[in-house]
Amino acid sequence: MELSMPLAYAGDPRTAADRAAALESAGLDAVWVAEAYGFDSPTILGYLAARTERMRIGSAILNVYSRSPALIAQTAAGLDALSGGRAMLGVGASGPQVVEGWHGRRYDRPLGRTREVVEPARRIWRREVIEHHGITDLPLPPEKGGTLGRPLKLLNHPVRATVPVHLAALGPANVRLAAEIADGWLPFLYVPEHAAEVWGRSLAEGRAKRDPALGPLSIVAGGPLAITDDAEAVHDLMRPTVALYVGGMGAPGRNFYHDLVRAYGHESAAAAIQEHYLAGRKKEAEAAVPAELLEQLCLAGPEGHVRDRVEVFREAGVTMLDVTPVGPDPARLIERVRSWL
């Protein structure tokens, strides 16, 4: 099992990136940089490429609506060149509120759009001449307004003929697609105890269609990490995040995270969180997050408990443990956990 960390993206990006880079010598294998509607991810990843030597750098996630498939492939190839072959491409559909509200794009055909990023990107990295027709047409045909477009191939020679592609997915169809075509899967709010019942069938169906040349599917999941006698304090740090996603990341009936928590068996709690959050009662929404859920989302407590949690994630199929160190000495914490893996 490998060890990675998500970059805090809401604050100062240089400070966050410098802290992540400092953990490379402690044994951190990878860092993931999110992109919501704040600073873009590739700019920060480029900075990380220059600040690190061994650690892999990944986007988590670039949404498939705000950039063309060719530009996503170019960005991944550029980051891979800057980092000397250490880039990972994390893509996904994001949600309709961000896609329509921030990017001004209609949220439609998320599965088709995701597939139409992954498959052309792999051809672009092989420097094939690209002709592709579907949701996106390359080149744009005359009947859709094209005039001078012609098939092209990537101008540069990539460092690698392929960049590992990870899909962010939660719903059954998206998870099935990830297991079919991606190198890795990026779930969120992942509870390993419920993974088989929630996603087992989708993963099995996707793997049944998987090209053996892709190798086994990598699964990247984890949570806040702390060796402490006050695990509840760490759980409380997670409350606002769970409340935000379950309550506010999507309208009623269109919130993937709300549906996920319901699938974990917390139907009434999910409803209460969403009702409070959408009414502006954020503290009440946070209070409604079940203690059991918070404990399962975190790796926090005495060392023996944390080691047990690591094994639970491993047994659920997680191949890269993605943790957010909590405490005064994150490097020491990363070193300790790395020694267990």
Protein backbone atom coordinates (compact mmCIF):
# COMPACT_ATOMS: atom_id res chain seq x y z
CA MET A 1 0.00 0.00 0.00
CA GLU A 2 1.24 3.51 -0.87
CA LEU A 3 0.68 6.75 1.03
CA SER A 4 -0.66 10.00 -0.39
CA MET A 5 -2.13 13.26 0.83
CA PRO A 6 -4.73 15.69 -0.53
CA LEU A 7 -3.49 19.28 -0.74
CA ALA A 8 -5.52 21.84 1.21
CA TYR A 9 -6.82 24.03 -1.61
CA ALA A 10 -8.84 26.73 0.16
CA GLY A 11 -5.90 28.65 1.65
CA ASP A 12 -2.55 29.95 0.44
CA PRO A 13 -1.40 27.56 -2.30
CA ARG A 14 2.35 28.12 -1.87
CA THR A 15 2.22 27.42 1.84
CA ALA A 16 0.14 24.27 1.29
CA ALA A 17 2.40 23.07 -1.52
CA ASP A 18 5.56 23.73 0.49
CA ARG A 19 4.16 21.72 3.41
CA ALA A 20 3.33 18.84 1.10
CA ALA A 21 6.76 18.92 -0.52
CA ALA A 22 8.40 18.80 2.91
CA LEU A 23 6.70 15.45 3.53
CA GLU A 24 8.42 13.82 0.56
CA SER A 25 11.45 12.91 2.68
CA ALA A 26 9.13 11.50 5.36
CA GLY A 27 7.90 8.89 2.90
CA LEU A 28 4.86 10.43 1.24
CA ASP A 29 4.42 8.78 -2.16
CA ALA A 30 1.99 11.19 -3.81
CA VAL A 31 0.01 14.39 -3.39
CA TRP A 32 -3.38 15.17 -4.95
CA VAL A 33 -4.49 18.71 -5.79
CA ALA A 34 -8.20 19.41 -5.97
CA GLU A 35 -9.89 21.96 -8.18
CA ALA A 36 -13.31 23.30 -7.26
CA TYR A 37 -14.00 26.96 -8.04
CA GLY A 38 -10.86 28.41 -6.50
CA PHE A 39 -7.31 28.31 -7.80
CA ASP A 40 -6.76 25.94 -10.70
CA SER A 41 -5.06 22.62 -10.05
CA PRO A 42 -2.41 22.43 -12.84
CA THR A 43 -0.70 25.68 -11.79
CA ILE A 44 -0.16 24.34 -8.28
CA LEU A 45 0.89 20.95 -9.66
CA GLY A 46 3.53 22.66 -11.78
CA TYR A 47 4.90 24.35 -8.67
CA LEU A 48 4.95 21.01 -6.86
CA ALA A 49 6.78 19.41 -9.78
CA ALA A 50 9.57 21.94 -9.28
CA ARG A 51 9.61 21.56 -5.49
CA THR A 52 9.80 17.75 -5.38
CA GLU A 53 11.99 15.00 -6.80
CA ARG A 54 10.36 11.63 -6.12
CA MET A 55 6.77 12.20 -5.08
CA ARG A 56 4.05 11.77 -7.66
CA ILE A 57 1.64 14.63 -8.32
CA GLY A 58 -1.98 14.22 -9.32
CA SER A 59 -5.05 16.28 -10.12
CA ALA A 60 -8.09 15.36 -8.09
CA ILE A 61 -10.01 16.37 -10.02
CA LEU A 62 -10.10 18.15 -13.36
CA ASN A 63 -13.74 18.16 -14.40
CA VAL A 64 -14.55 16.96 -17.89
CA TYR A 65 -16.72 19.97 -18.79
CA SER A 66 -14.45 22.98 -18.33
CA ARG A 67 -11.59 21.86 -20.61
CA SER A 68 -11.56 20.08 -23.94
CA PRO A 69 -10.34 16.47 -24.00
CA ALA A 70 -7.27 17.55 -25.98
CA LEU A 71 -6.39 20.28 -23.46
CA ILE A 72 -6.71 17.84 -20.54
CA ALA A 73 -4.35 15.47 -22.34
CA GLN A 74 -1.92 18.33 -23.09
CA THR A 75 -1.97 19.44 -19.45
CA ALA A 76 -1.22 15.93 -18.19
CA ALA A 77 1.60 15.51 -20.71
CA GLY A 78 3.07 18.87 -19.73
CA LEU A 79 2.98 18.07 -16.02
CA ASP A 80 4.51 14.69 -16.71
CA ALA A 81 7.36 16.35 -18.58
CA LEU A 82 7.97 18.94 -15.86
CA SER A 83 7.98 16.29 -13.14
CA GLY A 84 10.09 13.76 -15.02
CA GLY A 85 7.30 11.20 -15.39
CA ARG A 86 5.57 11.61 -12.02
CA ALA A 87 2.16 12.97 -13.08
CA MET A 88 -1.20 11.35 -12.44
CA LEU A 89 -4.38 12.58 -14.10
CA GLY A 90 -7.49 12.58 -11.94
CA VAL A 91 -10.67 13.50 -13.80
CA GLY A 92 -14.39 13.37 -13.13
CA ALA A 93 -17.73 14.95 -13.82
CA SER A 94 -17.83 17.18 -10.73
CA GLY A 95 -21.40 18.34 -9.95
CA PRO A 96 -24.04 20.38 -11.75
CA GLN A 97 -23.85 23.35 -9.39
CA VAL A 98 -20.17 23.92 -10.19
CA VAL A 99 -20.35 22.95 -13.86
CA GLU A 100 -23.40 25.09 -14.63
CA GLY A 101 -22.91 27.80 -12.02
CA TRP A 102 -19.18 28.43 -12.41
CA HIS A 103 -18.28 27.15 -15.87
CA GLY A 104 -21.55 27.91 -17.61
CA ARG A 105 -21.73 24.50 -19.23
CA ARG A 106 -24.78 22.26 -19.38
CA TYR A 107 -24.39 19.26 -17.10
CA ASP A 108 -25.23 16.42 -19.46
CA ARG A 109 -23.87 13.00 -20.47
CA PRO A 110 -21.27 12.75 -17.65
CA LEU A 111 -20.35 9.14 -18.47
CA GLY A 112 -19.91 9.81 -22.17
CA ARG A 113 -17.88 12.94 -21.53
CA THR A 114 -15.62 11.11 -19.10
CA ARG A 115 -15.00 8.28 -21.55
CA GLU A 116 -14.31 10.87 -24.27
CA VAL A 117 -11.53 12.34 -22.17
CA VAL A 118 -9.83 9.10 -21.21
CA GLU A 119 -9.77 7.32 -24.55
CA PRO A 120 -8.59 10.23 -26.75
CA ALA A 121 -6.03 11.25 -24.10
CA ARG A 122 -4.32 7.88 -24.30
CA ARG A 123 -4.16 8.18 -28.08
CA ILE A 124 -2.80 11.74 -27.83
CA TRP A 125 0.00 10.62 -25.47
CA ARG A 126 0.94 7.97 -28.04
CA ARG A 127 1.18 10.83 -30.58
CA GLU A 128 -1.48 9.38 -32.84
CA VAL A 129 -3.12 11.62 -35.42
CA ILE A 130 -6.48 12.30 -33.77
CA GLU A 131 -9.78 11.85 -35.50
CA HIS A 132 -12.63 11.39 -33.07
CA HIS A 133 -16.35 11.98 -33.43
CA GLY A 134 -18.86 11.83 -30.62
CA ILE A 135 -19.83 14.43 -28.03
CA THR A 136 -16.62 16.21 -29.04
CA ASP A 137 -15.52 16.20 -32.68
CA LEU A 138 -11.84 16.30 -33.61
CA PRO A 139 -11.53 17.96 -36.02
CA LEU A 140 -14.78 19.95 -36.06
CA PRO A 141 -16.74 18.86 -39.17
CA PRO A 142 -18.26 21.33 -41.65
CA GLU A 143 -21.82 20.42 -40.63
CA LYS A 144 -21.04 21.70 -37.12
CA GLY A 145 -19.35 24.88 -38.30
CA GLY A 146 -15.83 23.66 -38.99
CA THR A 147 -13.89 25.27 -41.81
CA LEU A 148 -10.12 24.84 -41.55
CA GLY A 149 -9.65 22.11 -38.96
CA ARG A 150 -7.54 19.09 -39.82
CA PRO A 151 -6.43 16.03 -37.85
CA LEU A 152 -3.40 16.75 -35.66
CA LYS A 153 -1.07 14.96 -33.31
CA LEU A 154 0.65 16.20 -30.16
CA LEU A 155 3.52 18.50 -31.10
CA ASN A 156 5.82 17.45 -28.24
CA HIS A 157 7.18 14.02 -27.48
CA PRO A 158 5.80 13.00 -24.05
CA VAL A 159 8.09 11.67 -21.34
CA ARG A 160 5.86 8.58 -21.12
CA ALA A 161 3.54 7.01 -23.64
CA THR A 162 0.78 7.03 -21.03
CA VAL A 163 -0.12 8.90 -17.82
CA PRO A 164 -2.06 7.01 -15.12
CA VAL A 165 -5.71 8.08 -15.23
CA HIS A 166 -7.83 8.05 -12.10
CA LEU A 167 -11.59 8.64 -12.15
CA ALA A 168 -13.47 10.31 -9.33
CA ALA A 169 -16.70 8.37 -9.05
CA LEU A 170 -19.41 7.56 -6.50
CA GLY A 171 -22.55 6.47 -8.35
CA PRO A 172 -22.91 2.92 -9.67
CA ALA A 173 -22.52 3.78 -13.34
CA ASN A 174 -19.51 6.03 -12.76
CA VAL A 175 -17.79 3.45 -10.56
CA ARG A 176 -18.47 0.78 -13.19
CA LEU A 177 -16.82 3.04 -15.79
CA ALA A 178 -13.80 3.63 -13.55
CA ALA A 179 -13.30 -0.10 -13.06
CA GLU A 180 -13.56 -0.61 -16.82
CA ILE A 181 -11.30 2.09 -18.28
CA ALA A 182 -9.25 3.82 -15.56
CA ASP A 183 -5.93 3.05 -13.96
CA GLY A 184 -7.35 4.10 -10.61
CA TRP A 185 -10.49 5.09 -8.74
CA LEU A 186 -10.85 8.17 -6.52
CA PRO A 187 -13.86 7.78 -4.20
CA PHE A 188 -14.72 10.38 -1.56
CA LEU A 189 -16.20 9.92 1.92
CA TYR A 190 -15.11 6.31 1.59
CA VAL A 191 -16.15 4.00 4.42
CA PRO A 192 -14.27 0.71 3.96
CA GLU A 193 -16.77 -1.26 6.05
CA HIS A 194 -19.51 -0.49 3.52
CA ALA A 195 -17.44 -0.51 0.31
CA ALA A 196 -18.37 -4.01 -0.83
CA GLU A 197 -22.11 -3.57 -0.33
CA VAL A 198 -22.21 -0.11 -1.92
CA TRP A 199 -19.76 -0.54 -4.81
CA GLY A 200 -18.92 -4.23 -5.05
CA ARG A 201 -21.31 -5.03 -7.88
CA SER A 202 -20.33 -1.97 -9.94
CA LEU A 203 -16.63 -2.72 -9.52
CA ALA A 204 -17.14 -6.34 -10.54
CA GLU A 205 -19.15 -5.39 -13.63
CA GLY A 206 -16.56 -2.84 -14.70
CA ARG A 207 -13.65 -5.19 -14.15
CA ALA A 208 -15.38 -7.81 -16.29
CA LYS A 209 -14.98 -5.41 -19.27
CA ARG A 210 -11.51 -4.21 -18.30
CA ASP A 211 -8.59 -4.51 -20.69
CA PRO A 212 -6.06 -6.78 -18.91
CA ALA A 213 -3.28 -4.54 -20.21
CA LEU A 214 -4.39 -1.86 -17.76
CA GLY A 215 -3.43 -4.03 -14.81
CA PRO A 216 -5.27 -4.04 -11.47
CA LEU A 217 -7.42 -1.06 -10.54
CA SER A 218 -5.78 1.23 -7.99
CA ILE A 219 -8.09 2.54 -5.25
CA VAL A 220 -7.17 5.79 -3.50
CA ALA A 221 -9.02 6.47 -0.24
CA GLY A 222 -8.48 7.43 3.37
CA GLY A 223 -9.20 10.33 5.69
CA PRO A 224 -7.89 12.49 8.55
CA LEU A 225 -4.94 10.83 10.30
CA ALA A 226 -3.96 11.30 13.94
CA ILE A 227 -2.40 9.23 16.69
CA THR A 228 -4.13 10.72 19.72
CA ASP A 229 -6.07 10.03 22.87
CA ASP A 230 -8.72 12.52 21.74
CA ALA A 231 -10.10 10.99 18.55
CA GLU A 232 -13.37 12.85 19.00
CA ALA A 233 -11.58 16.16 18.45
CA VAL A 234 -10.32 14.88 15.10
CA HIS A 235 -13.79 13.63 14.22
CA ASP A 236 -15.14 17.11 14.96
CA LEU A 237 -12.66 18.59 12.50
CA MET A 238 -14.28 16.38 9.85
CA ARG A 239 -17.84 17.46 10.71
CA PRO A 240 -17.90 20.66 8.61
CA THR A 241 -16.60 18.81 5.53
CA VAL A 242 -19.20 16.05 5.78
CA ALA A 243 -21.96 18.58 6.41
CA LEU A 244 -20.85 20.67 3.42
CA TYR A 245 -20.78 17.79 0.98
CA VAL A 246 -23.81 15.87 2.23
CA GLY A 247 -25.86 18.99 2.80
CA GLY A 248 -24.68 21.57 0.33
CA MET A 249 -22.90 20.02 -2.66
CA GLY A 250 -25.94 19.71 -4.85
CA ALA A 251 -29.65 20.35 -4.86
CA PRO A 252 -32.09 17.89 -3.28
CA GLY A 253 -32.21 14.80 -5.46
CA ARG A 254 -28.94 15.77 -7.20
CA ASN A 255 -26.34 15.33 -4.46
CA PHE A 256 -24.03 12.33 -4.89
CA TYR A 257 -22.65 12.59 -1.35
CA HIS A 258 -26.10 12.70 0.21
CA ASP A 259 -27.02 9.56 -1.72
CA LEU A 260 -23.82 7.88 -0.56
CA VAL A 261 -24.44 8.53 3.13
CA ARG A 262 -27.96 7.20 2.69
CA ALA A 263 -26.47 4.06 1.13
CA TYR A 264 -24.28 3.69 4.22
CA GLY A 265 -27.48 3.35 6.25
CA HIS A 266 -27.77 6.90 7.59
CA GLU A 267 -30.97 7.91 5.77
CA SER A 268 -32.51 10.06 8.48
CA ALA A 269 -29.19 11.73 9.31
CA ALA A 270 -28.55 12.55 5.65
CA ALA A 271 -31.98 14.13 5.37
CA ALA A 272 -31.44 16.20 8.51
CA ILE A 273 -27.99 17.36 7.39
CA GLN A 274 -29.33 18.49 4.03
CA GLU A 275 -32.39 20.20 5.50
CA HIS A 276 -30.32 22.17 8.00
CA TYR A 277 -27.57 23.04 5.55
CA LEU A 278 -29.83 24.31 2.79
CA ALA A 279 -31.70 26.40 5.35
CA GLY A 280 -28.45 28.06 6.40
CA ARG A 281 -28.21 26.23 9.72
CA LYS A 282 -24.64 24.99 9.26
CA LYS A 283 -23.91 24.27 12.90
CA GLU A 284 -27.07 22.18 13.19
CA ALA A 285 -26.07 20.35 10.00
CA GLU A 286 -22.67 19.57 11.48
CA ALA A 287 -24.23 18.35 14.72
CA ALA A 288 -26.46 15.96 12.73
CA VAL A 289 -23.48 14.07 11.26
CA PRO A 290 -23.47 10.65 12.97
CA ALA A 291 -20.53 9.91 15.28
CA GLU A 292 -20.27 6.40 13.81
CA LEU A 293 -19.81 7.80 10.31
CA LEU A 294 -17.10 10.20 11.45
CA GLU A 295 -15.21 7.40 13.20
CA GLN A 296 -15.32 5.27 10.04
CA LEU A 297 -14.14 8.13 7.82
CA CYS A 298 -11.11 8.87 10.01
CA LEU A 299 -7.93 7.12 11.05
CA ALA A 300 -7.71 8.67 14.49
CA GLY A 301 -7.08 7.34 17.98
CA PRO A 302 -4.37 5.44 19.85
CA GLU A 303 -1.69 3.85 17.69
CA GLY A 304 -3.21 0.36 17.88
CA HIS A 305 -6.59 1.66 16.70
CA VAL A 306 -5.03 3.60 13.82
CA ARG A 307 -3.07 0.54 12.72
CA ASP A 308 -6.29 -1.46 12.78
CA ARG A 309 -8.01 1.21 10.66
CA VAL A 310 -5.17 1.04 8.12
CA GLU A 311 -5.71 -2.70 7.82
CA VAL A 312 -9.46 -2.23 7.37
CA PHE A 313 -8.77 0.08 4.43
CA ARG A 314 -6.25 -2.39 3.03
CA GLU A 315 -8.67 -5.31 3.32
CA ALA A 316 -11.33 -3.26 1.52
CA GLY A 317 -9.00 -3.05 -1.50
CA VAL A 318 -7.42 0.37 -1.00
CA THR A 319 -3.99 0.45 -2.65
CA MET A 320 -3.09 4.08 -1.89
CA LEU A 321 -3.99 5.40 1.55
CA ASP A 322 -4.85 9.08 1.18
CA VAL A 323 -4.50 10.84 4.54
CA THR A 324 -4.59 14.33 5.99
CA PRO A 325 -2.15 14.45 8.93
CA VAL A 326 -3.57 16.18 12.01
CA GLY A 327 -1.20 17.34 14.75
CA PRO A 328 1.95 19.34 15.38
CA ASP A 329 4.39 17.00 13.61
CA PRO A 330 2.96 15.76 10.30
CA ALA A 331 6.34 14.48 9.09
CA ARG A 332 6.71 12.20 12.11
CA LEU A 333 3.15 10.98 11.64
CA ILE A 334 3.77 10.17 7.97
CA GLU A 335 6.99 8.35 8.88
CA ARG A 336 5.20 6.19 11.45
CA VAL A 337 2.35 5.22 9.18
CA ARG A 338 4.69 4.65 6.24
CA SER A 339 6.63 2.13 8.36
CA TRP A 340 3.44 0.06 8.78
CA LEU A 341 2.76 -0.22 5.06
